[in-house]
C-alpha atoms as a PDB file:
ATOM      1  CA  PHE A   1     185.650  56.743  99.653  1.00  0.00           C
ATOM      2  CA  VAL A   2     186.245  54.658  96.551  1.00  0.00           C
ATOM      3  CA  GLU A   3     183.994  51.948  97.963  1.00  0.00           C
ATOM      4  CA  LEU A   4     181.213  54.466  98.568  1.00  0.00           C
ATOM      5  CA  LYS A   5     181.450  55.700  95.017  1.00  0.00           C
ATOM      6  CA  GLN A   6     181.218  52.161  93.787  1.00  0.00           C
ATOM      7  CA  THR A   7     178.164  51.638  96.012  1.00  0.00           C
ATOM      8  CA  TYR A   8     176.491  54.790  94.582  1.00  0.00           C
ATOM      9  CA  LEU A   9     177.161  53.586  90.967  1.00  0.00           C
ATOM     10  CA  LEU A  10     175.931  50.029  91.770  1.00  0.00           C
ATOM     11  CA  ALA A  11     172.795  51.453  93.231  1.00  0.00           C
ATOM     12  CA  LEU A  12     172.155  53.248  89.904  1.00  0.00           C
ATOM     13  CA  VAL A  13     173.029  50.381  87.557  1.00  0.00           C
ATOM     14  CA  GLU A  14     169.429  49.277  86.860  1.00  0.00           C
ATOM     15  CA  LEU A  15     168.194  52.847  86.068  1.00  0.00           C
ATOM     16  CA  SER A  16     168.160  54.146  82.494  1.00  0.00           C
ATOM     17  CA  GLU A  17     170.457  56.852  81.353  1.00  0.00           C
ATOM     18  CA  ALA A  18     167.514  59.319  81.282  1.00  0.00           C
ATOM     19  CA  GLN A  19     166.768  58.529  84.935  1.00  0.00           C
ATOM     20  CA  ALA A  20     170.287  58.449  86.250  1.00  0.00           C
ATOM     21  CA  GLY A  21     172.747  59.940  83.736  1.00  0.00           C
ATOM     22  CA  TRP A  22     173.263  63.180  85.620  1.00  0.00           C
ATOM     23  CA  LEU A  23     173.761  61.341  88.906  1.00  0.00           C
ATOM     24  CA  ARG A  24     176.269  58.918  87.422  1.00  0.00           C
ATOM     25  CA  ALA A  25     178.327  61.844  86.074  1.00  0.00           C
ATOM     26  CA  GLN A  26     178.217  63.602  89.489  1.00  0.00           C
ATOM     27  CA  VAL A  27     179.308  60.495  91.295  1.00  0.00           C
ATOM     28  CA  ARG A  28     182.141  59.857  88.967  1.00  0.00           C
ATOM     29  CA  GLY A  29     183.290  63.526  89.334  1.00  0.00           C
ATOM     30  CA  ALA A  30     183.068  63.436  93.117  1.00  0.00           C
ATOM     31  CA  GLU A  31     186.466  64.346  94.619  1.00  0.00           C
ATOM     32  CA  GLU A  32     185.590  64.076  98.313  1.00  0.00           C
ATOM     33  CA  PRO A  33     183.206  62.075 100.503  1.00  0.00           C
ATOM     34  CA  VAL A  34     181.193  65.260 101.172  1.00  0.00           C
ATOM     35  CA  ASP A  35     180.404  65.486  97.413  1.00  0.00           C
ATOM     36  CA  LEU A  36     178.705  62.080  97.763  1.00  0.00           C
ATOM     37  CA  TRP A  37     176.943  63.163 100.947  1.00  0.00           C
ATOM     38  CA  LEU A  38     175.414  66.096  99.060  1.00  0.00           C
ATOM     39  CA  LEU A  39     174.010  63.765  96.405  1.00  0.00           C
ATOM     40  CA  ARG A  40     172.119  61.500  98.853  1.00  0.00           C
ATOM     41  CA  ALA A  41     168.752  63.289  98.401  1.00  0.00           C
ATOM     42  CA  PRO A  42     168.796  62.944  94.571  1.00  0.00           C
ATOM     43  CA  MET A  43     170.020  59.355  94.888  1.00  0.00           C
ATOM     44  CA  TYR A  44     167.068  58.390  97.201  1.00  0.00           C
ATOM     45  CA  ALA A  45     164.699  60.233  94.818  1.00  0.00           C
ATOM     46  CA  ALA A  46     165.966  58.238  91.895  1.00  0.00           C
ATOM     47  CA  LEU A  47     165.627  55.040  93.860  1.00  0.00           C
ATOM     48  CA  SER A  48     162.128  55.824  95.213  1.00  0.00           C
ATOM     49  CA  GLY A  49     159.349  53.344  95.050  1.00  0.00           C
ATOM     50  CA  ALA A  50     157.963  50.266  96.716  1.00  0.00           C
ATOM     51  CA  ASP A  51     159.674  47.859  94.401  1.00  0.00           C
ATOM     52  CA  PRO A  52     161.779  45.318  96.507  1.00  0.00           C
ATOM     53  CA  GLU A  53     164.767  45.796  94.350  1.00  0.00           C
ATOM     54  CA  ARG A  54     164.721  49.561  94.787  1.00  0.00           C
ATOM     55  CA  ARG A  55     164.184  49.218  98.484  1.00  0.00           C
ATOM     56  CA  ARG A  56     167.293  46.845  98.559  1.00  0.00           C
ATOM     57  CA  ARG A  57     169.336  49.494  96.711  1.00  0.00           C
ATOM     58  CA  ARG A  58     168.322  52.243  99.106  1.00  0.00           C
ATOM     59  CA  GLN A  59     169.294  50.010 101.917  1.00  0.00           C
ATOM     60  CA  MET A  60     172.625  49.339 100.318  1.00  0.00           C
ATOM     61  CA  LEU A  61     173.057  53.078  99.853  1.00  0.00           C
ATOM     62  CA  ARG A  62     172.353  53.773 103.558  1.00  0.00           C
ATOM     63  CA  ARG A  63     174.894  51.102 104.652  1.00  0.00           C
ATOM     64  CA  GLY A  64     177.497  52.629 102.363  1.00  0.00           C
ATOM     65  CA  LEU A  65     176.917  56.099 103.806  1.00  0.00           C
ATOM     66  CA  ASP A  66     177.176  54.666 107.362  1.00  0.00           C
ATOM     67  CA  THR A  67     180.587  53.345 106.628  1.00  0.00           C
ATOM     68  CA  VAL A  68     181.935  56.817 105.750  1.00  0.00           C
ATOM     69  CA  PHE A  69     179.655  59.078 107.798  1.00  0.00           C
ATOM     70  CA  ALA A  70     179.013  56.979 110.959  1.00  0.00           C
ATOM     71  CA  ASP A  71     177.199  58.490 113.905  1.00  0.00           C
ATOM     72  CA  ASN A  72     180.038  58.369 116.324  1.00  0.00           C
ATOM     73  CA  GLU A  73     178.696  60.943 118.714  1.00  0.00           C
ATOM     74  CA  PRO A  74     178.377  59.801 122.350  1.00  0.00           C
ATOM     75  CA  PRO A  75     174.818  59.647 123.709  1.00  0.00           C
ATOM     76  CA  SER A  76     173.587  63.007 125.022  1.00  0.00           C
ATOM     77  CA  ALA A  77     172.523  63.437 128.551  1.00  0.00           C
ATOM     78  CA  PHE A  78     169.585  65.432 127.351  1.00  0.00           C
ATOM     79  CA  THR A  79     166.154  63.812 127.183  1.00  0.00           C
ATOM     80  CA  ALA A  80     162.882  64.781 125.609  1.00  0.00           C
ATOM     81  CA  PHE A  81     160.222  66.348 127.759  1.00  0.00           C
END
């Protein structure tokens, strides 16, 4: 959980206080992993754009989320029509 918080904060490091101040406060105040999960949409919005650095930070965020919220469900027997 602490590593995921650090990943969130690292992803925001290049953004100005005006762009990411609220998000930084929310990340620092997060008490459970689900608190960070709920912040993923505003995080991706703050990191939007085609800039390679922002793309790298979005990828870093996805990888961090995957470490805590991995898709461990077994494959379903259902298939699309």
